[in-house]
Amino acid sequence: MNVRNMFPKDWPEVSRIYAEGMATGVATFETQVPSYEAWDAAHLPNCRLVAEATGAIAGWAALSPVSGRCVYGGVAEVSIYIGEAFRGQGVGMQLMNSLIRESEASGFWTLQSGIFPENAASIRLHEKAGFRRIGYRERIGQRNGVWTDNVLFERRSSRIGIPED
């Protein structure tokens, strides 16, 4: 398994994996894969990764800003998707560990995620990666006309954004 930076040429495989995640019904509120241009505009230009296995992209991870306010410049939201054929093989953990390292190298002190309560695999991944459950948002959004909850997770860096005594 090799984790590397994502490039625009990876979009066909990345978008296919995104569609596979959408098909589960528990990965995102999105119901259609956006164009590369729309996806690119919504995600930070750094901290975009893909995992390769057996010559194919097995999964991807990227960060989105949580706010345009400068005080939140070190806080980002995680997106992580694993291809259907590679789930349960440790791809998510390798991507998440790489994303954490990249985020800290880029100055992010907090990573956060909103996960559907039914997405047990994503919840386990976040917990194993050191995220803590910080809350629960009831009926925060609709997917296909159905109100859906989100479990909120956060991971504070132990290296970046530490107050000096």
Protein backbone atom coordinates (compact mmCIF):
# COMPACT_ATOMS: atom_id res chain seq x y z
CA MET A 1 0.00 0.00 0.00
CA ASN A 2 1.31 3.40 -1.00
CA VAL A 3 -0.19 6.71 0.16
CA ARG A 4 0.63 9.71 -2.01
CA ASN A 5 -0.64 13.17 -2.91
CA MET A 6 -3.79 13.32 -5.01
CA PHE A 7 -3.56 14.88 -8.47
CA PRO A 8 -6.30 16.09 -10.84
CA LYS A 9 -5.60 13.08 -13.07
CA ASP A 10 -6.80 10.87 -10.17
CA TRP A 11 -10.32 12.34 -10.31
CA PRO A 12 -11.94 9.52 -12.33
CA GLU A 13 -10.94 6.95 -9.68
CA VAL A 14 -11.54 9.32 -6.76
CA SER A 15 -15.02 10.19 -8.04
CA ARG A 16 -15.82 6.48 -8.59
CA ILE A 17 -14.89 5.76 -4.96
CA TYR A 18 -16.93 8.77 -3.84
CA ALA A 19 -19.94 7.36 -5.73
CA GLU A 20 -19.43 3.98 -4.04
CA GLY A 21 -19.52 5.75 -0.67
CA MET A 22 -22.69 7.61 -1.62
CA ALA A 23 -24.31 4.32 -2.65
CA THR A 24 -24.01 3.01 0.92
CA GLY A 25 -26.45 5.68 2.10
CA VAL A 26 -24.41 6.29 5.27
CA ALA A 27 -21.35 8.20 4.04
CA THR A 28 -22.53 11.67 2.99
CA PHE A 29 -25.50 13.93 2.51
CA GLU A 30 -24.44 14.32 -1.12
CA THR A 31 -26.42 12.33 -3.65
CA GLN A 32 -24.46 13.15 -6.81
CA VAL A 33 -20.74 13.27 -7.46
CA PRO A 34 -19.78 16.89 -8.18
CA SER A 35 -17.60 17.98 -11.06
CA TYR A 36 -13.89 18.05 -10.34
CA GLU A 37 -14.03 21.86 -10.41
CA ALA A 38 -16.72 21.99 -7.72
CA TRP A 39 -14.96 19.37 -5.58
CA ASP A 40 -11.63 21.16 -5.99
CA ALA A 41 -13.13 24.50 -4.90
CA ALA A 42 -14.64 22.91 -1.76
CA HIS A 43 -11.42 21.24 -0.55
CA LEU A 44 -8.14 22.65 0.64
CA PRO A 45 -5.35 22.52 -1.96
CA ASN A 46 -3.04 20.63 0.39
CA CYS A 47 -3.77 17.50 2.41
CA ARG A 48 -5.33 15.57 -0.48
CA LEU A 49 -4.21 11.96 -0.48
CA VAL A 50 -4.87 8.70 -2.29
CA ALA A 51 -3.94 5.16 -1.25
CA GLU A 52 -2.81 2.86 -4.03
CA ALA A 53 -2.92 -0.93 -3.89
CA THR A 54 -2.35 -3.42 -6.68
CA GLY A 55 -2.07 -0.61 -9.21
CA ALA A 56 -5.44 0.94 -8.34
CA ILE A 57 -6.58 3.77 -6.12
CA ALA A 58 -8.03 2.06 -3.04
CA GLY A 59 -9.23 5.17 -1.20
CA TRP A 60 -8.81 8.87 -0.73
CA ALA A 61 -8.81 11.52 1.97
CA ALA A 62 -8.98 15.31 1.85
CA LEU A 63 -9.62 18.29 4.08
CA SER A 64 -12.18 21.08 3.77
CA PRO A 65 -12.09 24.40 5.63
CA VAL A 66 -14.67 24.69 8.41
CA SER A 67 -14.84 28.47 8.21
CA GLY A 68 -13.48 31.40 6.27
CA ARG A 69 -12.67 33.22 9.53
CA CYS A 70 -8.94 33.41 10.21
CA VAL A 71 -9.29 32.18 13.80
CA TYR A 72 -10.36 28.80 12.41
CA GLY A 73 -7.48 28.58 9.95
CA GLY A 74 -6.04 25.58 11.78
CA VAL A 75 -9.30 23.62 11.83
CA ALA A 76 -10.41 21.40 8.96
CA GLU A 77 -13.06 18.78 8.22
CA VAL A 78 -12.04 15.29 7.14
CA SER A 79 -13.41 13.45 4.12
CA ILE A 80 -12.25 9.86 3.78
CA TYR A 81 -13.60 7.23 1.40
CA ILE A 82 -12.47 3.69 0.77
CA GLY A 83 -13.24 1.79 -2.43
CA GLU A 84 -15.72 -1.02 -2.06
CA ALA A 85 -13.17 -3.70 -2.99
CA PHE A 86 -10.69 -2.47 -0.35
CA ARG A 87 -12.87 -1.96 2.72
CA GLY A 88 -11.83 -3.74 5.90
CA GLN A 89 -8.19 -4.08 4.78
CA GLY A 90 -6.59 -1.25 6.76
CA VAL A 91 -6.65 1.29 3.91
CA GLY A 92 -8.63 3.77 6.00
CA MET A 93 -6.14 3.66 8.88
CA GLN A 94 -3.18 4.19 6.56
CA LEU A 95 -4.92 7.12 4.87
CA MET A 96 -6.01 8.64 8.19
CA ASN A 97 -2.53 8.39 9.72
CA SER A 98 -1.02 9.99 6.62
CA LEU A 99 -3.69 12.71 6.62
CA ILE A 100 -2.98 13.50 10.28
CA ARG A 101 0.76 13.81 9.56
CA GLU A 102 0.11 16.01 6.50
CA SER A 103 -2.37 18.18 8.38
CA GLU A 104 0.08 18.81 11.21
CA ALA A 105 2.86 19.60 8.73
CA SER A 106 0.46 22.14 7.21
CA GLY A 107 -0.31 23.76 10.59
CA PHE A 108 -3.72 22.27 11.38
CA TRP A 109 -4.36 21.82 15.11
CA THR A 110 -7.87 20.35 14.92
CA LEU A 111 -9.49 17.87 12.56
CA GLN A 112 -13.20 17.27 12.80
CA SER A 113 -15.74 14.94 11.24
CA GLY A 114 -19.50 14.58 11.18
CA ILE A 115 -20.45 10.92 10.76
CA PHE A 116 -23.83 9.27 10.31
CA PRO A 117 -24.52 7.13 13.42
CA GLU A 118 -25.11 4.11 11.14
CA ASN A 119 -21.58 4.35 9.69
CA ALA A 120 -19.96 2.06 12.27
CA ALA A 121 -16.80 1.52 10.21
CA SER A 122 -16.07 5.25 10.00
CA ILE A 123 -16.78 5.73 13.70
CA ARG A 124 -14.34 2.90 14.57
CA LEU A 125 -11.70 4.36 12.24
CA HIS A 126 -11.93 7.81 13.81
CA GLU A 127 -11.80 6.42 17.34
CA LYS A 128 -8.75 4.27 16.50
CA ALA A 129 -7.06 7.36 15.01
CA GLY A 130 -7.43 9.32 18.25
CA PHE A 131 -10.60 11.29 17.49
CA ARG A 132 -13.00 11.77 20.37
CA ARG A 133 -16.76 11.98 20.22
CA ILE A 134 -17.71 15.54 21.10
CA GLY A 135 -21.39 15.68 20.31
CA TYR A 136 -24.46 14.64 18.45
CA ARG A 137 -26.45 16.76 16.02
CA GLU A 138 -30.02 15.60 15.61
CA ARG A 139 -31.70 15.96 12.24
CA ILE A 140 -28.90 18.20 10.98
CA GLY A 141 -29.65 17.63 7.31
CA GLN A 142 -31.72 15.68 4.84
CA ARG A 143 -30.60 12.97 2.46
CA ASN A 144 -33.19 11.98 -0.09
CA GLY A 145 -35.86 13.75 1.97
CA VAL A 146 -35.03 11.95 5.23
CA TRP A 147 -33.71 13.87 8.22
CA THR A 148 -30.39 12.44 9.38
CA ASP A 149 -28.29 12.81 12.52
CA ASN A 150 -24.52 13.28 12.77
CA VAL A 151 -22.08 12.19 15.45
CA LEU A 152 -19.34 14.81 15.83
CA PHE A 153 -15.71 13.81 16.24
CA GLU A 154 -12.63 15.92 16.86
CA ARG A 155 -8.91 15.27 17.02
CA ARG A 156 -6.63 17.86 18.58
CA SER A 157 -2.99 17.73 17.61
CA SER A 158 -0.51 17.07 20.36
CA ARG A 159 2.14 19.00 18.36
CA ILE A 160 0.40 21.95 16.66
CA GLY A 161 -1.50 24.75 18.37
CA ILE A 162 -0.29 23.91 21.86
CA PRO A 163 -0.52 26.93 24.16
CA GLU A 164 2.81 28.05 25.57
CA ASP A 165 2.91 28.28 29.35
